[in-house]
Amino acid sequence: MEPKAHEIKNPINFVNNFSGVSVELIDELRETLDDLGLDSKARTQIAELTDTQRDNFNKIVQHGERGRDCVIIAVPRRRSFLCRS
């Protein structure tokens, strides 16, 4: 049975959306922590950790979009191949 594009894209879109929201939450967290008046060492550590998290989530979105694009391209090709067979 041939998978439908939306059946594959929906989980990818969920991951992309979840990762995008997580990036926004990291930014909000940093704004909140900035208001706490932490010492420079703590601020530096928090900045490094949250930058790493943000970068990781952005990579997830980037690769998820690539996967989604592959599905968009592959499913119609498969369908046209099956129709020609």
C-alpha atoms as a PDB file:
ATOM      1  CA  MET A   1       0.000   0.000   0.000  1.00  0.00           C
ATOM      2  CA  GLU A   2       1.387   3.395  -0.991  1.00  0.00           C
ATOM      3  CA  PRO A   3       1.854   5.875   1.878  1.00  0.00           C
ATOM      4  CA  LYS A   4       0.209   9.204   1.400  1.00  0.00           C
ATOM      5  CA  ALA A   5       2.392  12.283   1.649  1.00  0.00           C
ATOM      6  CA  HIS A   6       0.395  13.788   4.523  1.00  0.00           C
ATOM      7  CA  GLU A   7       0.818  10.606   6.584  1.00  0.00           C
ATOM      8  CA  ILE A   8       4.565  11.116   6.436  1.00  0.00           C
ATOM      9  CA  LYS A   9       4.594  14.917   6.518  1.00  0.00           C
ATOM     10  CA  ASN A  10       2.371  15.282   9.606  1.00  0.00           C
ATOM     11  CA  PRO A  11       4.912  13.828  12.060  1.00  0.00           C
ATOM     12  CA  ILE A  12       7.690  15.831  10.406  1.00  0.00           C
ATOM     13  CA  ASN A  13       5.625  19.017  10.703  1.00  0.00           C
ATOM     14  CA  PHE A  14       4.938  18.227  14.360  1.00  0.00           C
ATOM     15  CA  VAL A  15       8.665  17.923  15.066  1.00  0.00           C
ATOM     16  CA  ASN A  16       9.379  21.153  13.174  1.00  0.00           C
ATOM     17  CA  ASN A  17       6.642  23.048  15.008  1.00  0.00           C
ATOM     18  CA  PHE A  18       7.639  21.650  18.397  1.00  0.00           C
ATOM     19  CA  SER A  19      11.270  22.595  17.805  1.00  0.00           C
ATOM     20  CA  GLY A  20      10.337  26.083  16.653  1.00  0.00           C
ATOM     21  CA  VAL A  21       8.244  26.670  19.770  1.00  0.00           C
ATOM     22  CA  SER A  22      11.107  25.351  21.895  1.00  0.00           C
ATOM     23  CA  VAL A  23      13.437  27.973  20.389  1.00  0.00           C
ATOM     24  CA  GLU A  24      10.925  30.665  21.353  1.00  0.00           C
ATOM     25  CA  LEU A  25      10.713  29.273  24.893  1.00  0.00           C
ATOM     26  CA  ILE A  26      14.492  29.348  25.201  1.00  0.00           C
ATOM     27  CA  ASP A  27      14.466  33.018  24.230  1.00  0.00           C
ATOM     28  CA  GLU A  28      11.767  33.727  26.824  1.00  0.00           C
ATOM     29  CA  LEU A  29      13.749  31.808  29.445  1.00  0.00           C
ATOM     30  CA  ARG A  30      16.845  33.892  28.733  1.00  0.00           C
ATOM     31  CA  GLU A  31      14.859  37.121  29.024  1.00  0.00           C
ATOM     32  CA  THR A  32      13.472  35.976  32.381  1.00  0.00           C
ATOM     33  CA  LEU A  33      16.901  34.953  33.648  1.00  0.00           C
ATOM     34  CA  ASP A  34      18.377  38.294  32.562  1.00  0.00           C
ATOM     35  CA  ASP A  35      15.929  39.998  34.923  1.00  0.00           C
ATOM     36  CA  LEU A  36      17.200  37.977  37.907  1.00  0.00           C
ATOM     37  CA  GLY A  37      20.495  39.827  38.185  1.00  0.00           C
ATOM     38  CA  LEU A  38      22.721  36.753  38.079  1.00  0.00           C
ATOM     39  CA  ASP A  39      26.486  37.108  38.241  1.00  0.00           C
ATOM     40  CA  SER A  40      28.443  37.139  35.000  1.00  0.00           C
ATOM     41  CA  LYS A  41      29.683  33.541  35.374  1.00  0.00           C
ATOM     42  CA  ALA A  42      26.145  32.200  35.745  1.00  0.00           C
ATOM     43  CA  ARG A  43      24.906  34.361  32.852  1.00  0.00           C
ATOM     44  CA  THR A  44      27.735  33.060  30.647  1.00  0.00           C
ATOM     45  CA  GLN A  45      26.964  29.431  31.518  1.00  0.00           C
ATOM     46  CA  ILE A  46      23.256  29.925  30.895  1.00  0.00           C
ATOM     47  CA  ALA A  47      23.958  31.702  27.598  1.00  0.00           C
ATOM     48  CA  GLU A  48      26.202  28.870  26.417  1.00  0.00           C
ATOM     49  CA  LEU A  49      23.675  26.189  27.342  1.00  0.00           C
ATOM     50  CA  THR A  50      20.687  27.963  25.846  1.00  0.00           C
ATOM     51  CA  ASP A  51      22.637  28.831  22.684  1.00  0.00           C
ATOM     52  CA  THR A  52      23.468  25.141  22.281  1.00  0.00           C
ATOM     53  CA  GLN A  53      19.828  24.185  22.818  1.00  0.00           C
ATOM     54  CA  ARG A  54      18.641  26.810  20.343  1.00  0.00           C
ATOM     55  CA  ASP A  55      21.163  25.615  17.751  1.00  0.00           C
ATOM     56  CA  ASN A  56      20.076  21.997  18.252  1.00  0.00           C
ATOM     57  CA  PHE A  57      16.398  22.836  17.799  1.00  0.00           C
ATOM     58  CA  ASN A  58      17.179  24.927  14.719  1.00  0.00           C
ATOM     59  CA  LYS A  59      19.070  21.943  13.245  1.00  0.00           C
ATOM     60  CA  ILE A  60      16.053  19.725  13.926  1.00  0.00           C
ATOM     61  CA  VAL A  61      13.840  22.194  12.050  1.00  0.00           C
ATOM     62  CA  GLN A  62      16.343  22.435   9.199  1.00  0.00           C
ATOM     63  CA  HIS A  63      16.566  18.668   8.756  1.00  0.00           C
ATOM     64  CA  GLY A  64      12.829  18.241   9.251  1.00  0.00           C
ATOM     65  CA  GLU A  65      12.141  20.718   6.463  1.00  0.00           C
ATOM     66  CA  ARG A  66      14.576  18.829   4.259  1.00  0.00           C
ATOM     67  CA  GLY A  67      12.776  15.560   5.058  1.00  0.00           C
ATOM     68  CA  ARG A  68       9.398  17.149   4.353  1.00  0.00           C
ATOM     69  CA  ASP A  69      10.663  18.439   1.009  1.00  0.00           C
ATOM     70  CA  CYS A  70      11.913  14.951   0.129  1.00  0.00           C
ATOM     71  CA  VAL A  71       8.471  13.522   0.867  1.00  0.00           C
ATOM     72  CA  ILE A  72       6.796  16.170  -1.258  1.00  0.00           C
ATOM     73  CA  ILE A  73       9.091  15.301  -4.157  1.00  0.00           C
ATOM     74  CA  ALA A  74       9.155  11.510  -3.693  1.00  0.00           C
ATOM     75  CA  VAL A  75       5.462  10.698  -3.275  1.00  0.00           C
ATOM     76  CA  PRO A  76       4.263  12.197  -6.593  1.00  0.00           C
ATOM     77  CA  ARG A  77       7.171  10.534  -8.404  1.00  0.00           C
ATOM     78  CA  ARG A  78       6.240   7.179  -6.916  1.00  0.00           C
ATOM     79  CA  ARG A  79       2.621   7.704  -7.912  1.00  0.00           C
ATOM     80  CA  SER A  80       3.538   8.563 -11.513  1.00  0.00           C
ATOM     81  CA  PHE A  81       5.883   5.553 -11.635  1.00  0.00           C
ATOM     82  CA  LEU A  82       3.094   3.243 -10.459  1.00  0.00           C
ATOM     83  CA  CYS A  83       0.715   4.688 -13.044  1.00  0.00           C
ATOM     84  CA  ARG A  84       3.193   3.977 -15.834  1.00  0.00           C
ATOM     85  CA  SER A  85       3.804   0.390 -14.730  1.00  0.00           C
END
